[in-house]
C-alpha atoms as a PDB file:
ATOM      1  CA  MET A   1      41.753 -22.440 -16.573  1.00  0.00           C
ATOM      2  CA  HIS A   2      42.599 -19.429 -13.932  1.00  0.00           C
ATOM      3  CA  LYS A   3      43.855 -16.345 -16.378  1.00  0.00           C
ATOM      4  CA  ARG A   4      47.340 -15.218 -16.102  1.00  0.00           C
ATOM      5  CA  ILE A   5      48.586 -12.444 -13.931  1.00  0.00           C
ATOM      6  CA  THR A   6      50.272  -9.724 -15.983  1.00  0.00           C
ATOM      7  CA  TYR A   7      51.417  -6.136 -15.269  1.00  0.00           C
ATOM      8  CA  SER A   8      48.926  -4.635 -17.421  1.00  0.00           C
ATOM      9  CA  LEU A   9      46.453  -5.956 -14.938  1.00  0.00           C
ATOM     10  CA  ALA A  10      48.430  -4.752 -11.713  1.00  0.00           C
ATOM     11  CA  GLY A  11      48.072  -1.153 -13.299  1.00  0.00           C
ATOM     12  CA  VAL A  12      51.508  -0.751 -15.895  1.00  0.00           C
ATOM     13  CA  HIS A  13      51.668  -0.677 -19.253  1.00  0.00           C
ATOM     14  CA  ILE A  14      55.002  -0.925 -20.646  1.00  0.00           C
ATOM     15  CA  SER A  15      54.254  -1.439 -24.187  1.00  0.00           C
ATOM     16  CA  LYS A  16      52.107   1.804 -24.244  1.00  0.00           C
ATOM     17  CA  VAL A  17      55.222   4.141 -22.768  1.00  0.00           C
ATOM     18  CA  ASP A  18      57.625   2.551 -25.077  1.00  0.00           C
ATOM     19  CA  LYS A  19      55.373   3.282 -28.228  1.00  0.00           C
ATOM     20  CA  SER A  20      55.336   6.499 -27.221  1.00  0.00           C
ATOM     21  CA  LEU A  21      58.644   6.904 -26.596  1.00  0.00           C
ATOM     22  CA  SER A  22      59.181   5.688 -30.347  1.00  0.00           C
ATOM     23  CA  LEU A  23      57.013   8.036 -31.760  1.00  0.00           C
ATOM     24  CA  LEU A  24      58.599  11.172 -29.972  1.00  0.00           C
ATOM     25  CA  ARG A  25      62.069  10.193 -30.354  1.00  0.00           C
ATOM     26  CA  PRO A  26      62.137  12.473 -33.540  1.00  0.00           C
ATOM     27  CA  TYR A  27      61.533  15.410 -31.160  1.00  0.00           C
ATOM     28  CA  PHE A  28      63.974  14.452 -28.706  1.00  0.00           C
ATOM     29  CA  GLU A  29      66.912  14.204 -31.256  1.00  0.00           C
ATOM     30  CA  SER A  30      65.987  17.568 -32.871  1.00  0.00           C
ATOM     31  CA  THR A  31      67.578  18.935 -29.504  1.00  0.00           C
ATOM     32  CA  TYR A  32      70.685  17.474 -29.628  1.00  0.00           C
ATOM     33  CA  THR A  33      73.813  19.562 -30.366  1.00  0.00           C
ATOM     34  CA  SER A  34      77.061  18.405 -31.165  1.00  0.00           C
ATOM     35  CA  ASN A  35      78.139  17.441 -27.561  1.00  0.00           C
ATOM     36  CA  ILE A  36      75.781  14.594 -27.753  1.00  0.00           C
ATOM     37  CA  ILE A  37      76.741  11.180 -28.479  1.00  0.00           C
ATOM     38  CA  PRO A  38      73.849   9.140 -30.344  1.00  0.00           C
ATOM     39  CA  PHE A  39      71.462   6.753 -28.254  1.00  0.00           C
ATOM     40  CA  TRP A  40      73.729   3.321 -27.105  1.00  0.00           C
ATOM     41  CA  ASN A  41      72.296   1.638 -24.684  1.00  0.00           C
ATOM     42  CA  GLY A  42      69.420   3.785 -22.993  1.00  0.00           C
ATOM     43  CA  PHE A  43      70.699   3.492 -19.746  1.00  0.00           C
ATOM     44  CA  SER A  44      72.482   6.768 -19.575  1.00  0.00           C
ATOM     45  CA  SER A  45      72.782   9.709 -21.524  1.00  0.00           C
ATOM     46  CA  ILE A  46      76.525  10.765 -22.791  1.00  0.00           C
ATOM     47  CA  LEU A  47      77.883  13.656 -23.581  1.00  0.00           C
ATOM     48  CA  LYS A  48      81.166  14.858 -25.370  1.00  0.00           C
ATOM     49  CA  ILE A  49      82.349  18.220 -24.052  1.00  0.00           C
ATOM     50  CA  ASP A  50      84.958  20.241 -26.151  1.00  0.00           C
ATOM     51  CA  TRP A  51      86.872  21.201 -23.038  1.00  0.00           C
ATOM     52  CA  LYS A  52      89.423  22.703 -24.596  1.00  0.00           C
ATOM     53  CA  SER A  53      87.381  25.519 -25.649  1.00  0.00           C
ATOM     54  CA  TYR A  54      87.478  26.222 -21.791  1.00  0.00           C
ATOM     55  CA  GLU A  55      90.229  27.107 -19.290  1.00  0.00           C
ATOM     56  CA  ASN A  56      88.643  26.046 -16.310  1.00  0.00           C
ATOM     57  CA  PRO A  57      84.920  24.616 -16.679  1.00  0.00           C
ATOM     58  CA  LEU A  58      82.730  24.018 -14.075  1.00  0.00           C
ATOM     59  CA  ILE A  59      80.154  21.675 -14.390  1.00  0.00           C
ATOM     60  CA  LEU A  60      76.313  23.055 -12.730  1.00  0.00           C
ATOM     61  CA  LEU A  61      73.266  20.802 -11.810  1.00  0.00           C
ATOM     62  CA  THR A  62      69.662  21.943 -11.056  1.00  0.00           C
ATOM     63  CA  THR A  63      66.265  20.187 -10.457  1.00  0.00           C
ATOM     64  CA  ASP A  64      62.880  21.940 -10.393  1.00  0.00           C
ATOM     65  CA  GLY A  65      59.068  20.892 -10.946  1.00  0.00           C
ATOM     66  CA  VAL A  66      56.056  23.776 -11.894  1.00  0.00           C
ATOM     67  CA  GLY A  67      54.381  23.178  -8.294  1.00  0.00           C
ATOM     68  CA  THR A  68      50.783  22.981  -8.489  1.00  0.00           C
ATOM     69  CA  LYS A  69      50.415  25.187 -11.824  1.00  0.00           C
ATOM     70  CA  LEU A  70      50.654  21.552 -13.418  1.00  0.00           C
ATOM     71  CA  LYS A  71      47.390  20.404 -11.875  1.00  0.00           C
ATOM     72  CA  ILE A  72      45.988  23.759 -12.993  1.00  0.00           C
ATOM     73  CA  ALA A  73      47.214  22.586 -16.446  1.00  0.00           C
ATOM     74  CA  LEU A  74      45.791  19.063 -16.092  1.00  0.00           C
ATOM     75  CA  GLN A  75      42.607  20.465 -14.999  1.00  0.00           C
ATOM     76  CA  ARG A  76      42.304  22.979 -17.970  1.00  0.00           C
ATOM     77  CA  LYS A  77      43.789  20.383 -20.255  1.00  0.00           C
ATOM     78  CA  LYS A  78      46.723  22.354 -21.296  1.00  0.00           C
ATOM     79  CA  TYR A  79      49.486  20.062 -21.316  1.00  0.00           C
ATOM     80  CA  GLU A  80      51.186  21.641 -24.786  1.00  0.00           C
ATOM     81  CA  ILE A  81      52.426  24.697 -22.336  1.00  0.00           C
ATOM     82  CA  ILE A  82      53.630  23.144 -19.205  1.00  0.00           C
ATOM     83  CA  GLY A  83      57.174  21.719 -20.660  1.00  0.00           C
ATOM     84  CA  GLN A  84      58.411  25.013 -21.075  1.00  0.00           C
ATOM     85  CA  ASP A  85      57.613  26.053 -17.260  1.00  0.00           C
ATOM     86  CA  LEU A  86      59.779  22.888 -16.335  1.00  0.00           C
ATOM     87  CA  VAL A  87      62.667  23.808 -18.420  1.00  0.00           C
ATOM     88  CA  ALA A  88      62.296  27.583 -17.667  1.00  0.00           C
ATOM     89  CA  MET A  89      62.631  26.776 -14.101  1.00  0.00           C
ATOM     90  CA  ASN A  90      65.914  24.645 -14.404  1.00  0.00           C
ATOM     91  CA  THR A  91      67.547  26.698 -16.687  1.00  0.00           C
ATOM     92  CA  ASN A  92      66.951  30.180 -15.479  1.00  0.00           C
ATOM     93  CA  ASP A  93      68.397  28.828 -11.965  1.00  0.00           C
ATOM     94  CA  LEU A  94      71.519  27.978 -14.235  1.00  0.00           C
ATOM     95  CA  LEU A  95      71.489  31.174 -15.557  1.00  0.00           C
ATOM     96  CA  THR A  96      72.128  33.092 -11.875  1.00  0.00           C
ATOM     97  CA  CYS A  97      75.569  31.570 -12.179  1.00  0.00           C
ATOM     98  CA  GLY A  98      76.088  32.573 -15.358  1.00  0.00           C
ATOM     99  CA  ALA A  99      76.061  29.156 -16.993  1.00  0.00           C
ATOM    100  CA  LYS A 100      74.878  27.778 -20.458  1.00  0.00           C
ATOM    101  CA  PRO A 101      72.533  25.049 -20.647  1.00  0.00           C
ATOM    102  CA  LEU A 102      73.965  21.816 -22.007  1.00  0.00           C
ATOM    103  CA  ALA A 103      71.699  18.825 -21.475  1.00  0.00           C
ATOM    104  CA  PHE A 104      67.537  18.401 -19.910  1.00  0.00           C
ATOM    105  CA  LEU A 105      66.060  15.504 -18.271  1.00  0.00           C
ATOM    106  CA  ASP A 106      62.563  14.998 -17.128  1.00  0.00           C
ATOM    107  CA  TYR A 107      60.769  12.730 -14.596  1.00  0.00           C
ATOM    108  CA  PHE A 108      57.300  11.596 -15.396  1.00  0.00           C
ATOM    109  CA  ALA A 109      55.297   9.853 -12.721  1.00  0.00           C
ATOM    110  CA  THR A 110      51.539   9.019 -13.013  1.00  0.00           C
ATOM    111  CA  GLY A 111      48.957   6.801 -11.712  1.00  0.00           C
ATOM    112  CA  LYS A 112      47.112   5.803 -15.036  1.00  0.00           C
ATOM    113  CA  PHE A 113      49.503   6.384 -17.985  1.00  0.00           C
ATOM    114  CA  ASP A 114      47.584   8.817 -20.795  1.00  0.00           C
ATOM    115  CA  GLU A 115      49.226   8.762 -24.317  1.00  0.00           C
ATOM    116  CA  GLU A 116      47.643  12.437 -24.837  1.00  0.00           C
ATOM    117  CA  ILE A 117      48.900  14.130 -21.849  1.00  0.00           C
ATOM    118  CA  TYR A 118      52.578  12.054 -21.732  1.00  0.00           C
ATOM    119  CA  GLN A 119      52.953  13.129 -25.587  1.00  0.00           C
ATOM    120  CA  ASN A 120      52.091  16.301 -25.465  1.00  0.00           C
ATOM    121  CA  ILE A 121      54.089  17.357 -22.222  1.00  0.00           C
ATOM    122  CA  LEU A 122      57.185  15.829 -23.758  1.00  0.00           C
ATOM    123  CA  ILE A 123      56.622  17.776 -27.173  1.00  0.00           C
ATOM    124  CA  SER A 124      56.461  21.196 -25.044  1.00  0.00           C
ATOM    125  CA  ILE A 125      59.800  20.041 -23.113  1.00  0.00           C
ATOM    126  CA  SER A 126      61.412  19.740 -26.479  1.00  0.00           C
ATOM    127  CA  LYS A 127      60.718  22.702 -27.857  1.00  0.00           C
ATOM    128  CA  ALA A 128      61.631  25.099 -25.145  1.00  0.00           C
ATOM    129  CA  CYS A 129      65.396  23.048 -25.351  1.00  0.00           C
ATOM    130  CA  LYS A 130      65.419  23.652 -28.897  1.00  0.00           C
ATOM    131  CA  LEU A 131      64.917  27.356 -27.766  1.00  0.00           C
ATOM    132  CA  VAL A 132      67.523  27.510 -25.204  1.00  0.00           C
ATOM    133  CA  GLU A 133      69.774  25.174 -27.232  1.00  0.00           C
ATOM    134  CA  CYS A 134      69.688  22.663 -24.288  1.00  0.00           C
ATOM    135  CA  SER A 135      69.524  18.864 -25.766  1.00  0.00           C
ATOM    136  CA  PHE A 136      66.662  16.559 -23.823  1.00  0.00           C
ATOM    137  CA  VAL A 137      68.934  13.427 -23.408  1.00  0.00           C
ATOM    138  CA  GLY A 138      66.670  11.428 -21.735  1.00  0.00           C
ATOM    139  CA  GLY A 139      64.492  10.885 -18.408  1.00  0.00           C
ATOM    140  CA  GLU A 140      62.183   8.232 -16.146  1.00  0.00           C
ATOM    141  CA  THR A 141      58.327   7.404 -16.718  1.00  0.00           C
ATOM    142  CA  ALA A 142      56.966   5.682 -14.272  1.00  0.00           C
ATOM    143  CA  GLU A 143      53.513   4.245 -13.575  1.00  0.00           C
ATOM    144  CA  LEU A 144      52.623   4.223 -10.246  1.00  0.00           C
ATOM    145  CA  PRO A 145      48.824   3.016  -9.383  1.00  0.00           C
ATOM    146  CA  GLY A 146      50.062   2.450  -5.607  1.00  0.00           C
ATOM    147  CA  ILE A 147      51.068   5.954  -4.958  1.00  0.00           C
ATOM    148  CA  TYR A 148      49.064   8.692  -7.844  1.00  0.00           C
ATOM    149  CA  LYS A 149      45.300   8.346  -8.178  1.00  0.00           C
ATOM    150  CA  GLY A 150      44.183   8.203 -12.132  1.00  0.00           C
ATOM    151  CA  LYS A 151      45.753  10.512 -14.319  1.00  0.00           C
ATOM    152  CA  ASP A 152      47.226  12.946 -12.011  1.00  0.00           C
ATOM    153  CA  ILE A 153      50.925  13.317 -12.733  1.00  0.00           C
ATOM    154  CA  ASP A 154      53.916  14.405 -10.708  1.00  0.00           C
ATOM    155  CA  LEU A 155      56.669  16.319 -13.042  1.00  0.00           C
ATOM    156  CA  ALA A 156      60.232  17.445 -12.425  1.00  0.00           C
ATOM    157  CA  GLY A 157      63.598  18.562 -14.263  1.00  0.00           C
ATOM    158  CA  PHE A 158      67.181  18.236 -14.164  1.00  0.00           C
ATOM    159  CA  ALA A 159      69.435  20.641 -15.769  1.00  0.00           C
ATOM    160  CA  LEU A 160      73.179  20.475 -16.557  1.00  0.00           C
ATOM    161  CA  GLY A 161      75.081  23.349 -17.699  1.00  0.00           C
ATOM    162  CA  VAL A 162      78.641  24.543 -17.694  1.00  0.00           C
ATOM    163  CA  VAL A 163      80.413  28.010 -17.267  1.00  0.00           C
ATOM    164  CA  GLU A 164      84.230  29.263 -17.221  1.00  0.00           C
ATOM    165  CA  GLU A 165      85.477  29.346 -13.495  1.00  0.00           C
ATOM    166  CA  LYS A 166      86.806  33.203 -13.983  1.00  0.00           C
ATOM    167  CA  HIS A 167      82.497  34.186 -15.280  1.00  0.00           C
ATOM    168  CA  LEU A 168      80.921  32.134 -12.642  1.00  0.00           C
ATOM    169  CA  LEU A 169      78.331  34.542 -10.632  1.00  0.00           C
ATOM    170  CA  PRO A 170      77.544  36.239  -8.244  1.00  0.00           C
ATOM    171  CA  LYS A 171      81.085  38.294  -8.387  1.00  0.00           C
ATOM    172  CA  LEU A 172      80.427  38.579  -4.235  1.00  0.00           C
ATOM    173  CA  ALA A 173      83.345  40.536  -3.801  1.00  0.00           C
ATOM    174  CA  ASP A 174      81.919  43.130  -6.409  1.00  0.00           C
ATOM    175  CA  ILE A 175      78.757  43.662  -4.687  1.00  0.00           C
ATOM    176  CA  ASN A 176      78.695  46.803  -2.633  1.00  0.00           C
ATOM    177  CA  GLU A 177      76.274  50.011  -2.322  1.00  0.00           C
ATOM    178  CA  ASP A 178      78.018  51.022  -5.482  1.00  0.00           C
ATOM    179  CA  CYS A 179      75.845  48.348  -7.416  1.00  0.00           C
ATOM    180  CA  GLU A 180      72.311  48.916  -9.439  1.00  0.00           C
ATOM    181  CA  LEU A 181      69.342  46.331  -9.873  1.00  0.00           C
ATOM    182  CA  ILE A 182      67.960  46.143 -12.730  1.00  0.00           C
ATOM    183  CA  GLY A 183      64.420  44.264 -12.910  1.00  0.00           C
ATOM    184  CA  ILE A 184      63.507  42.088 -16.463  1.00  0.00           C
ATOM    185  CA  SER A 185      59.896  41.469 -16.596  1.00  0.00           C
ATOM    186  CA  SER A 186      58.316  38.283 -16.057  1.00  0.00           C
ATOM    187  CA  SER A 187      55.428  37.122 -18.447  1.00  0.00           C
ATOM    188  CA  GLY A 188      53.161  36.709 -15.290  1.00  0.00           C
ATOM    189  CA  LEU A 189      53.059  34.363 -12.414  1.00  0.00           C
ATOM    190  CA  HIS A 190      55.518  32.134 -13.808  1.00  0.00           C
ATOM    191  CA  SER A 191      55.508  28.916 -11.500  1.00  0.00           C
ATOM    192  CA  ASN A 192      54.885  30.055  -8.278  1.00  0.00           C
ATOM    193  CA  GLY A 193      52.337  31.172  -6.428  1.00  0.00           C
ATOM    194  CA  TYR A 194      49.437  28.477  -7.635  1.00  0.00           C
ATOM    195  CA  SER A 195      48.580  27.320  -4.183  1.00  0.00           C
ATOM    196  CA  LEU A 196      47.326  30.825  -3.192  1.00  0.00           C
ATOM    197  CA  LEU A 197      45.844  31.487  -6.586  1.00  0.00           C
ATOM    198  CA  ARG A 198      44.072  28.361  -6.397  1.00  0.00           C
ATOM    199  CA  TYR A 199      42.688  28.791  -2.376  1.00  0.00           C
ATOM    200  CA  ILE A 200      41.591  32.204  -3.727  1.00  0.00           C
ATOM    201  CA  MET A 201      39.504  31.078  -6.553  1.00  0.00           C
ATOM    202  CA  LYS A 202      37.862  28.240  -4.271  1.00  0.00           C
ATOM    203  CA  LYS A 203      37.501  30.423  -1.396  1.00  0.00           C
ATOM    204  CA  LYS A 204      35.866  33.020  -3.482  1.00  0.00           C
ATOM    205  CA  ARG A 205      34.046  30.648  -6.278  1.00  0.00           C
ATOM    206  CA  ILE A 206      35.725  32.501  -9.185  1.00  0.00           C
ATOM    207  CA  SER A 207      35.158  30.888 -12.416  1.00  0.00           C
ATOM    208  CA  TRP A 208      38.448  30.659 -14.923  1.00  0.00           C
ATOM    209  CA  ARG A 209      36.821  32.624 -17.986  1.00  0.00           C
ATOM    210  CA  THR A 210      36.429  35.927 -15.143  1.00  0.00           C
ATOM    211  CA  LYS A 211      37.985  38.504 -17.315  1.00  0.00           C
ATOM    212  CA  ILE A 212      41.486  40.241 -16.736  1.00  0.00           C
ATOM    213  CA  GLU A 213      41.691  43.365 -19.093  1.00  0.00           C
ATOM    214  CA  GLU A 214      42.066  41.607 -22.399  1.00  0.00           C
ATOM    215  CA  ASN A 215      42.387  37.873 -20.976  1.00  0.00           C
ATOM    216  CA  THR A 216      40.724  35.196 -19.446  1.00  0.00           C
ATOM    217  CA  LEU A 217      41.692  33.939 -15.858  1.00  0.00           C
ATOM    218  CA  GLU A 218      42.986  30.867 -17.318  1.00  0.00           C
ATOM    219  CA  GLU A 219      44.612  32.996 -20.098  1.00  0.00           C
ATOM    220  CA  GLU A 220      46.625  34.857 -17.469  1.00  0.00           C
ATOM    221  CA  VAL A 221      47.539  32.252 -15.132  1.00  0.00           C
ATOM    222  CA  LEU A 222      48.566  29.563 -17.681  1.00  0.00           C
ATOM    223  CA  LYS A 223      51.278  31.590 -19.722  1.00  0.00           C
ATOM    224  CA  PRO A 224      54.291  29.668 -19.505  1.00  0.00           C
ATOM    225  CA  THR A 225      57.187  30.613 -17.787  1.00  0.00           C
ATOM    226  CA  LYS A 226      59.812  32.962 -19.798  1.00  0.00           C
ATOM    227  CA  LEU A 227      63.685  31.182 -20.987  1.00  0.00           C
ATOM    228  CA  TYR A 228      65.583  34.028 -19.979  1.00  0.00           C
ATOM    229  CA  SER A 229      68.968  31.813 -21.461  1.00  0.00           C
ATOM    230  CA  PRO A 230      69.528  32.806 -24.867  1.00  0.00           C
ATOM    231  CA  LEU A 231      69.277  36.872 -24.112  1.00  0.00           C
ATOM    232  CA  ILE A 232      70.994  36.811 -21.097  1.00  0.00           C
ATOM    233  CA  LEU A 233      73.816  34.770 -22.096  1.00  0.00           C
ATOM    234  CA  SER A 234      74.228  37.138 -25.360  1.00  0.00           C
ATOM    235  CA  LEU A 235      73.792  39.860 -22.606  1.00  0.00           C
ATOM    236  CA  LEU A 236      76.649  38.629 -20.752  1.00  0.00           C
ATOM    237  CA  GLU A 237      79.226  38.343 -23.755  1.00  0.00           C
ATOM    238  CA  GLU A 238      78.512  42.158 -24.089  1.00  0.00           C
ATOM    239  CA  PHE A 239      78.841  43.405 -20.191  1.00  0.00           C
ATOM    240  CA  ARG A 240      80.360  40.730 -18.620  1.00  0.00           C
ATOM    241  CA  ASP A 241      82.543  42.776 -16.331  1.00  0.00           C
ATOM    242  CA  SER A 242      79.586  45.115 -15.677  1.00  0.00           C
ATOM    243  CA  ILE A 243      76.865  42.381 -14.231  1.00  0.00           C
ATOM    244  CA  LYS A 244      77.892  40.719 -10.911  1.00  0.00           C
ATOM    245  CA  GLY A 245      75.173  38.914  -9.818  1.00  0.00           C
ATOM    246  CA  ILE A 246      71.674  37.167 -11.387  1.00  0.00           C
ATOM    247  CA  ALA A 247      68.621  36.213  -9.472  1.00  0.00           C
ATOM    248  CA  HIS A 248      65.773  34.183 -10.517  1.00  0.00           C
ATOM    249  CA  ILE A 249      62.523  35.405  -8.723  1.00  0.00           C
ATOM    250  CA  THR A 250      61.099  32.576  -8.211  1.00  0.00           C
ATOM    251  CA  GLY A 251      58.958  31.327  -5.015  1.00  0.00           C
ATOM    252  CA  GLY A 252      59.739  33.887  -2.103  1.00  0.00           C
ATOM    253  CA  GLY A 253      59.403  36.509  -4.543  1.00  0.00           C
ATOM    254  CA  ILE A 254      62.106  39.614  -4.461  1.00  0.00           C
ATOM    255  CA  PRO A 255      62.521  39.409  -0.692  1.00  0.00           C
ATOM    256  CA  GLY A 256      63.411  35.304  -0.901  1.00  0.00           C
ATOM    257  CA  ASN A 257      65.590  35.201  -3.882  1.00  0.00           C
ATOM    258  CA  LEU A 258      67.634  38.663  -4.447  1.00  0.00           C
ATOM    259  CA  PRO A 259      69.286  38.547  -0.626  1.00  0.00           C
ATOM    260  CA  ARG A 260      70.304  35.065  -2.045  1.00  0.00           C
ATOM    261  CA  ILE A 261      73.255  36.671  -4.484  1.00  0.00           C
ATOM    262  CA  LEU A 262      74.197  39.129  -1.965  1.00  0.00           C
ATOM    263  CA  PRO A 263      77.805  39.278   0.072  1.00  0.00           C
ATOM    264  CA  GLU A 264      77.055  39.184   3.799  1.00  0.00           C
ATOM    265  CA  GLY A 265      76.258  42.431   5.039  1.00  0.00           C
ATOM    266  CA  TYR A 266      74.543  44.223   2.147  1.00  0.00           C
ATOM    267  CA  GLY A 267      70.740  44.256   1.624  1.00  0.00           C
ATOM    268  CA  ALA A 268      68.330  46.006  -1.285  1.00  0.00           C
ATOM    269  CA  LEU A 269      66.155  48.938  -1.893  1.00  0.00           C
ATOM    270  CA  ILE A 270      63.495  48.250  -4.450  1.00  0.00           C
ATOM    271  CA  ASP A 271      61.076  51.029  -5.553  1.00  0.00           C
ATOM    272  CA  VAL A 272      57.798  49.426  -6.617  1.00  0.00           C
ATOM    273  CA  SER A 273      56.965  52.923  -8.415  1.00  0.00           C
ATOM    274  CA  SER A 274      60.139  52.042 -11.056  1.00  0.00           C
ATOM    275  CA  TRP A 275      57.488  49.294 -12.959  1.00  0.00           C
ATOM    276  CA  GLU A 276      54.224  48.695 -13.623  1.00  0.00           C
ATOM    277  CA  ILE A 277      52.474  45.724 -11.806  1.00  0.00           C
ATOM    278  CA  PRO A 278      51.005  43.721 -14.060  1.00  0.00           C
ATOM    279  CA  PRO A 279      47.161  43.806 -13.875  1.00  0.00           C
ATOM    280  CA  ILE A 280      47.129  39.610 -12.934  1.00  0.00           C
ATOM    281  CA  PHE A 281      48.754  40.582  -9.687  1.00  0.00           C
ATOM    282  CA  SER A 282      46.734  43.796  -9.156  1.00  0.00           C
ATOM    283  CA  TRP A 283      43.473  41.089  -9.246  1.00  0.00           C
ATOM    284  CA  ILE A 284      45.038  38.609  -6.763  1.00  0.00           C
ATOM    285  CA  ILE A 285      45.398  41.186  -4.203  1.00  0.00           C
ATOM    286  CA  ASN A 286      42.364  42.845  -4.503  1.00  0.00           C
ATOM    287  CA  LYS A 287      40.260  39.527  -4.820  1.00  0.00           C
ATOM    288  CA  GLY A 288      42.538  37.728  -2.122  1.00  0.00           C
ATOM    289  CA  ASN A 289      42.624  40.551   0.473  1.00  0.00           C
ATOM    290  CA  LEU A 290      46.122  40.464   0.561  1.00  0.00           C
ATOM    291  CA  SER A 291      48.879  42.863   1.636  1.00  0.00           C
ATOM    292  CA  LYS A 292      51.237  44.095  -0.565  1.00  0.00           C
ATOM    293  CA  LYS A 293      54.015  43.012   1.832  1.00  0.00           C
ATOM    294  CA  GLU A 294      52.442  39.340   1.414  1.00  0.00           C
ATOM    295  CA  ALA A 295      52.337  39.558  -2.231  1.00  0.00           C
ATOM    296  CA  PHE A 296      55.749  40.488  -2.796  1.00  0.00           C
ATOM    297  CA  LYS A 297      56.465  37.223  -0.605  1.00  0.00           C
ATOM    298  CA  VAL A 298      54.670  34.701  -2.963  1.00  0.00           C
ATOM    299  CA  PHE A 299      54.747  36.378  -6.411  1.00  0.00           C
ATOM    300  CA  ASN A 300      57.542  38.042  -8.895  1.00  0.00           C
ATOM    301  CA  MET A 301      54.748  40.767  -9.253  1.00  0.00           C
ATOM    302  CA  GLY A 302      56.198  41.419 -12.352  1.00  0.00           C
ATOM    303  CA  ILE A 303      59.481  40.841 -12.023  1.00  0.00           C
ATOM    304  CA  GLY A 304      61.308  37.733 -13.323  1.00  0.00           C
ATOM    305  CA  LEU A 305      65.009  38.165 -13.091  1.00  0.00           C
ATOM    306  CA  ILE A 306      66.887  40.779 -11.159  1.00  0.00           C
ATOM    307  CA  LEU A 307      70.350  42.027 -12.457  1.00  0.00           C
ATOM    308  CA  VAL A 308      73.101  43.470 -10.053  1.00  0.00           C
ATOM    309  CA  VAL A 309      74.990  45.688 -12.191  1.00  0.00           C
ATOM    310  CA  LYS A 310      78.154  48.356 -11.296  1.00  0.00           C
ATOM    311  CA  SER A 311      78.452  50.329 -14.598  1.00  0.00           C
ATOM    312  CA  LYS A 312      76.679  50.379 -17.527  1.00  0.00           C
ATOM    313  CA  GLY A 313      73.116  50.355 -16.453  1.00  0.00           C
ATOM    314  CA  LYS A 314      72.059  52.528 -18.764  1.00  0.00           C
ATOM    315  CA  GLU A 315      73.496  50.678 -21.540  1.00  0.00           C
ATOM    316  CA  ILE A 316      71.973  47.701 -20.183  1.00  0.00           C
ATOM    317  CA  ILE A 317      68.644  48.633 -20.090  1.00  0.00           C
ATOM    318  CA  ARG A 318      69.019  50.074 -24.024  1.00  0.00           C
ATOM    319  CA  TYR A 319      70.496  46.725 -24.705  1.00  0.00           C
ATOM    320  CA  LEU A 320      67.599  44.790 -23.380  1.00  0.00           C
ATOM    321  CA  LYS A 321      64.554  46.646 -24.908  1.00  0.00           C
ATOM    322  CA  ASN A 322      66.382  46.814 -27.987  1.00  0.00           C
ATOM    323  CA  LYS A 323      66.112  42.849 -27.787  1.00  0.00           C
ATOM    324  CA  GLY A 324      61.846  43.389 -27.332  1.00  0.00           C
ATOM    325  CA  GLU A 325      62.399  42.762 -23.191  1.00  0.00           C
ATOM    326  CA  ASP A 326      61.549  45.336 -20.803  1.00  0.00           C
ATOM    327  CA  ALA A 327      63.955  46.303 -18.508  1.00  0.00           C
ATOM    328  CA  PHE A 328      63.597  49.032 -15.538  1.00  0.00           C
ATOM    329  CA  LEU A 329      66.280  50.541 -12.982  1.00  0.00           C
ATOM    330  CA  ILE A 330      64.250  49.082  -9.699  1.00  0.00           C
ATOM    331  CA  GLY A 331      66.875  49.779  -6.996  1.00  0.00           C
ATOM    332  CA  LYS A 332      70.112  49.577  -5.702  1.00  0.00           C
ATOM    333  CA  VAL A 333      71.770  47.548  -3.369  1.00  0.00           C
ATOM    334  CA  GLU A 334      72.866  49.057   0.387  1.00  0.00           C
ATOM    335  CA  ARG A 335      74.443  48.420   3.426  1.00  0.00           C
ATOM    336  CA  GLY A 336      72.269  46.051   5.565  1.00  0.00           C
ATOM    337  CA  LYS A 337      70.056  42.975   5.405  1.00  0.00           C
ATOM    338  CA  GLY A 338      67.053  41.725   3.607  1.00  0.00           C
ATOM    339  CA  VAL A 339      65.222  43.520   0.903  1.00  0.00           C
ATOM    340  CA  LYS A 340      63.262  47.324   1.540  1.00  0.00           C
ATOM    341  CA  ILE A 341      59.989  47.724  -0.821  1.00  0.00           C
ATOM    342  CA  ILE A 342      59.216  51.052  -1.007  1.00  0.00           C
END
């Protein structure tokens, strides 16, 4: 008698996914805020928002991944860190509009489902969502053996946020040459430039155990992306009239991201001597024989967020430092186009 064909013979194991989701449910529910209506049929997630607390609320949506940092995390079996990168890349983008994150969704696709990888990544997403007070409300898990090889995975995130219309950033009409630029430190590479890093490592046959000051290369490049929302949302409450724009420094570096929040006819002047570039970036420049110009186009170079401020710059820096965050006056807005780095 011929053996009956099943979905699992085709490489898709629905029961394993369902079992993992059942085990993970307490982690998801620990992120729920009062906005969440508990699970009802599983086809969509429902939020109930108290619109009475807003005059004119605006809903914002973001989507992003973590690039080839994901591949390195999988190779090094550091599954527990990648969720924070995913949440940060999305909620930090919401923050550039002054928005508070409300809900988060993930998309997890793989060639062959692995319970350990899956559970560790979703737990790390849950923990990061809890830190930014954002409900992890659902997502999609896809086992696609015809597209991905083995345990390779693809990961994407989606975030929803809200902001009062009058508080929406950037305030383009208020940004001019009277504005200063405050840089807030990154934790390292964050989630950008990893294809170049991997290329340099392969070309120069560099070991992950290579020491960069007190850390190994592996420890340096797998530091999670900073979650800026809790700190910056409280900063906005304190200095809302002074902060006119926020730039998230991701792929493209400062030259590629800062102009996105500046009005037509304005650029920026950045003084590199105003902060100390972290050793990991200097190491990459040296090993890859990169020009400083190229490095600034690819990496954040130690600045993860830039605030455009029109007044109270010193007070804002003092506030951030009192909260344990490194912040620096790194430049100013000027007439022109693009970013000049001196």
